[in-house]
Amino acid sequence: MLVPVGVTIMITITVRGGKRLRVWAIGVVATTVAYYAIMMPFYVWSVGGLEYYAAAVGPSIALGLATTSIGVLTVIRLRGPRRDTS
């Protein structure tokens, strides 16, 4: 449910805000990677790789923050240098 809702929101923002296709594509990839990075520790827990549910929470948070930060930094870097409007 998280991925379809996220993609729908991104499409709506893109259409209404006129974002470039490159930014939209990076957002879709970052959202998908973040979803799987967050869910992977819980999958490992569910198959018996981790003994406690709580042991999956920390890595899930860390992986989620890392993947979303990389996505945001990629979009910021691709926008290029700021132009002085004054």
N, C-alpha and C. Protein backbone atom coordinates (compact mmCIF):
# COMPACT_ATOMS: atom_id res chain seq x y z
N MET A 1 0.81 -1.19 0.00
CA MET A 1 0.00 0.00 0.00
C MET A 1 0.86 1.26 0.00
N LEU A 2 2.01 1.18 0.66
CA LEU A 2 2.88 2.35 0.77
C LEU A 2 3.41 2.79 -0.60
N VAL A 3 3.85 1.86 -1.41
CA VAL A 3 4.43 2.20 -2.71
C VAL A 3 3.38 2.79 -3.66
N PRO A 4 2.20 2.18 -3.83
CA PRO A 4 1.22 2.78 -4.74
C PRO A 4 0.77 4.18 -4.30
N VAL A 5 0.60 4.38 -3.00
CA VAL A 5 0.20 5.71 -2.52
C VAL A 5 1.31 6.71 -2.77
N GLY A 6 2.55 6.32 -2.49
CA GLY A 6 3.67 7.22 -2.72
C GLY A 6 3.84 7.59 -4.18
N VAL A 7 3.70 6.61 -5.07
CA VAL A 7 3.82 6.88 -6.51
C VAL A 7 2.67 7.77 -6.98
N THR A 8 1.47 7.54 -6.47
CA THR A 8 0.33 8.39 -6.84
C THR A 8 0.56 9.83 -6.41
N ILE A 9 1.07 10.02 -5.20
CA ILE A 9 1.35 11.38 -4.72
C ILE A 9 2.44 12.02 -5.56
N MET A 10 3.48 11.26 -5.91
CA MET A 10 4.55 11.83 -6.73
C MET A 10 4.06 12.21 -8.11
N ILE A 11 3.19 11.40 -8.71
CA ILE A 11 2.65 11.73 -10.03
C ILE A 11 1.81 13.00 -9.94
N THR A 12 1.01 13.12 -8.90
CA THR A 12 0.19 14.32 -8.72
C THR A 12 1.05 15.56 -8.56
N ILE A 13 2.08 15.48 -7.75
CA ILE A 13 2.97 16.62 -7.55
C ILE A 13 3.68 16.98 -8.85
N THR A 14 4.10 15.96 -9.59
CA THR A 14 4.79 16.21 -10.86
C THR A 14 3.89 16.92 -11.86
N VAL A 15 2.66 16.45 -11.99
CA VAL A 15 1.74 17.04 -12.96
C VAL A 15 1.37 18.46 -12.56
N ARG A 16 1.11 18.67 -11.29
CA ARG A 16 0.68 20.00 -10.84
C ARG A 16 1.84 20.98 -10.72
N GLY A 17 3.03 20.47 -10.37
CA GLY A 17 4.16 21.36 -10.15
C GLY A 17 5.09 21.52 -11.33
N GLY A 18 4.91 20.73 -12.36
CA GLY A 18 5.75 20.85 -13.54
C GLY A 18 7.19 20.43 -13.30
N LYS A 19 7.42 19.42 -12.49
CA LYS A 19 8.78 18.95 -12.21
C LYS A 19 9.33 18.24 -13.44
N ARG A 20 10.65 18.26 -13.54
CA ARG A 20 11.30 17.59 -14.66
C ARG A 20 11.22 16.08 -14.51
N LEU A 21 11.26 15.39 -15.63
CA LEU A 21 11.16 13.94 -15.64
C LEU A 21 12.31 13.30 -14.86
N ARG A 22 13.48 13.87 -14.94
CA ARG A 22 14.65 13.31 -14.25
C ARG A 22 14.44 13.32 -12.74
N VAL A 23 13.90 14.40 -12.21
CA VAL A 23 13.62 14.48 -10.77
C VAL A 23 12.55 13.47 -10.39
N TRP A 24 11.55 13.33 -11.22
CA TRP A 24 10.48 12.37 -10.95
C TRP A 24 11.03 10.94 -10.95
N ALA A 25 11.88 10.62 -11.92
CA ALA A 25 12.44 9.28 -12.01
C ALA A 25 13.31 8.97 -10.79
N ILE A 26 14.10 9.92 -10.35
CA ILE A 26 14.93 9.73 -9.15
C ILE A 26 14.03 9.50 -7.94
N GLY A 27 12.93 10.22 -7.87
CA GLY A 27 12.00 10.05 -6.77
C GLY A 27 11.37 8.67 -6.75
N VAL A 28 10.99 8.17 -7.91
CA VAL A 28 10.39 6.83 -7.99
C VAL A 28 11.41 5.77 -7.58
N VAL A 29 12.62 5.88 -8.08
CA VAL A 29 13.66 4.90 -7.73
C VAL A 29 13.98 4.98 -6.24
N ALA A 30 14.15 6.20 -5.72
CA ALA A 30 14.47 6.36 -4.30
C ALA A 30 13.35 5.84 -3.40
N THR A 31 12.11 6.06 -3.79
CA THR A 31 10.98 5.57 -3.01
C THR A 31 10.96 4.04 -2.99
N THR A 32 11.18 3.42 -4.13
CA THR A 32 11.18 1.96 -4.21
C THR A 32 12.32 1.36 -3.41
N VAL A 33 13.51 1.93 -3.56
CA VAL A 33 14.67 1.42 -2.82
C VAL A 33 14.47 1.63 -1.32
N ALA A 34 13.94 2.78 -0.91
CA ALA A 34 13.70 3.03 0.51
C ALA A 34 12.69 2.04 1.08
N TYR A 35 11.66 1.75 0.34
CA TYR A 35 10.65 0.79 0.81
C TYR A 35 11.29 -0.57 1.08
N TYR A 36 12.05 -1.06 0.12
CA TYR A 36 12.66 -2.38 0.29
C TYR A 36 13.76 -2.36 1.35
N ALA A 37 14.48 -1.25 1.48
CA ALA A 37 15.51 -1.14 2.52
C ALA A 37 14.87 -1.16 3.91
N ILE A 38 13.74 -0.52 4.05
CA ILE A 38 13.04 -0.50 5.34
C ILE A 38 12.45 -1.87 5.65
N MET A 39 11.92 -2.53 4.66
CA MET A 39 11.24 -3.82 4.89
C MET A 39 12.21 -5.01 5.03
N MET A 40 13.42 -4.90 4.50
CA MET A 40 14.35 -6.03 4.52
C MET A 40 14.65 -6.55 5.92
N PRO A 41 14.95 -5.71 6.91
CA PRO A 41 15.19 -6.26 8.26
C PRO A 41 13.98 -7.02 8.82
N PHE A 42 12.79 -6.58 8.49
CA PHE A 42 11.60 -7.28 8.98
C PHE A 42 11.41 -8.61 8.26
N TYR A 43 11.80 -8.66 6.99
CA TYR A 43 11.75 -9.93 6.26
C TYR A 43 12.75 -10.91 6.88
N VAL A 44 13.95 -10.43 7.17
CA VAL A 44 14.96 -11.28 7.80
C VAL A 44 14.46 -11.79 9.14
N TRP A 45 13.81 -10.93 9.90
CA TRP A 45 13.23 -11.35 11.18
C TRP A 45 12.15 -12.41 10.97
N SER A 46 11.31 -12.24 9.96
CA SER A 46 10.20 -13.16 9.75
C SER A 46 10.66 -14.56 9.33
N VAL A 47 11.82 -14.66 8.70
CA VAL A 47 12.32 -15.98 8.31
C VAL A 47 13.26 -16.56 9.36
N GLY A 48 13.41 -15.88 10.49
CA GLY A 48 14.20 -16.41 11.59
C GLY A 48 15.63 -15.93 11.66
N GLY A 49 16.00 -14.97 10.84
CA GLY A 49 17.36 -14.45 10.85
C GLY A 49 17.67 -13.58 12.05
N LEU A 50 16.67 -12.95 12.60
CA LEU A 50 16.81 -12.14 13.81
C LEU A 50 15.91 -12.74 14.88
N GLU A 51 16.42 -12.75 16.10
CA GLU A 51 15.66 -13.41 17.17
C GLU A 51 14.48 -12.58 17.65
N TYR A 52 14.64 -11.27 17.71
CA TYR A 52 13.59 -10.40 18.24
C TYR A 52 13.14 -9.41 17.18
N TYR A 53 11.87 -9.06 17.26
CA TYR A 53 11.28 -8.07 16.35
C TYR A 53 11.99 -6.73 16.53
N ALA A 54 12.28 -6.39 17.79
CA ALA A 54 12.94 -5.11 18.08
C ALA A 54 14.31 -5.01 17.42
N ALA A 55 14.95 -6.14 17.17
CA ALA A 55 16.26 -6.12 16.51
C ALA A 55 16.17 -5.68 15.06
N ALA A 56 14.99 -5.73 14.48
CA ALA A 56 14.81 -5.29 13.09
C ALA A 56 14.50 -3.80 12.99
N VAL A 57 14.07 -3.19 14.09
CA VAL A 57 13.64 -1.79 14.05
C VAL A 57 14.83 -0.86 13.81
N GLY A 58 15.92 -1.04 14.53
CA GLY A 58 17.09 -0.17 14.38
C GLY A 58 17.66 -0.17 12.97
N PRO A 59 17.98 -1.35 12.43
CA PRO A 59 18.48 -1.37 11.05
C PRO A 59 17.48 -0.81 10.04
N SER A 60 16.20 -1.03 10.29
CA SER A 60 15.18 -0.51 9.40
C SER A 60 15.19 1.02 9.37
N ILE A 61 15.29 1.61 10.54
CA ILE A 61 15.35 3.08 10.63
C ILE A 61 16.61 3.60 9.95
N ALA A 62 17.75 2.97 10.25
CA ALA A 62 19.02 3.41 9.66
C ALA A 62 19.02 3.29 8.14
N LEU A 63 18.55 2.17 7.63
CA LEU A 63 18.50 1.99 6.17
C LEU A 63 17.51 2.94 5.52
N GLY A 64 16.38 3.20 6.16
CA GLY A 64 15.41 4.14 5.62
C GLY A 64 15.96 5.55 5.55
N LEU A 65 16.61 5.98 6.63
CA LEU A 65 17.22 7.32 6.62
C LEU A 65 18.32 7.42 5.58
N ALA A 66 19.13 6.39 5.46
CA ALA A 66 20.24 6.43 4.49
C ALA A 66 19.72 6.50 3.05
N THR A 67 18.75 5.68 2.72
CA THR A 67 18.28 5.66 1.33
C THR A 67 17.52 6.93 0.97
N THR A 68 16.70 7.44 1.88
CA THR A 68 15.99 8.68 1.56
C THR A 68 16.94 9.87 1.51
N SER A 69 17.95 9.88 2.37
CA SER A 69 18.94 10.97 2.32
C SER A 69 19.70 10.97 1.01
N ILE A 70 20.08 9.79 0.55
CA ILE A 70 20.79 9.70 -0.74
C ILE A 70 19.89 10.18 -1.87
N GLY A 71 18.62 9.82 -1.85
CA GLY A 71 17.69 10.29 -2.88
C GLY A 71 17.55 11.80 -2.88
N VAL A 72 17.40 12.38 -1.70
CA VAL A 72 17.25 13.84 -1.60
C VAL A 72 18.53 14.54 -2.05
N LEU A 73 19.67 14.05 -1.60
CA LEU A 73 20.94 14.67 -2.00
C LEU A 73 21.18 14.54 -3.50
N THR A 74 20.74 13.45 -4.10
CA THR A 74 20.89 13.29 -5.55
C THR A 74 20.06 14.34 -6.30
N VAL A 75 18.83 14.56 -5.86
CA VAL A 75 17.98 15.57 -6.50
C VAL A 75 18.57 16.95 -6.32
N ILE A 76 19.05 17.25 -5.13
CA ILE A 76 19.65 18.57 -4.88
C ILE A 76 20.89 18.77 -5.75
N ARG A 77 21.71 17.75 -5.84
CA ARG A 77 22.94 17.87 -6.63
C ARG A 77 22.63 18.05 -8.12
N LEU A 78 21.60 17.36 -8.63
CA LEU A 78 21.27 17.46 -10.05
C LEU A 78 20.62 18.78 -10.42
N ARG A 79 20.10 19.49 -9.44
CA ARG A 79 19.50 20.80 -9.73
C ARG A 79 20.54 21.81 -10.15
N GLY A 80 21.78 21.61 -9.75
CA GLY A 80 22.86 22.51 -10.14
C GLY A 80 23.03 23.64 -9.14
N PRO A 81 23.96 24.54 -9.42
CA PRO A 81 24.21 25.64 -8.49
C PRO A 81 23.04 26.63 -8.46
N ARG A 82 22.92 27.29 -7.34
CA ARG A 82 21.85 28.30 -7.22
C ARG A 82 22.21 29.54 -8.00
N ARG A 83 21.19 30.16 -8.52
CA ARG A 83 21.39 31.43 -9.23
C ARG A 83 20.99 32.56 -8.32
N ASP A 84 21.80 33.59 -8.31
CA ASP A 84 21.49 34.75 -7.48
C ASP A 84 20.44 35.59 -8.19
N THR A 85 19.30 35.80 -7.54
CA THR A 85 18.19 36.53 -8.17
C THR A 85 18.16 37.99 -7.76
N SER A 86 19.11 38.42 -6.95
CA SER A 86 19.07 39.82 -6.51
C SER A 86 19.79 40.76 -7.42
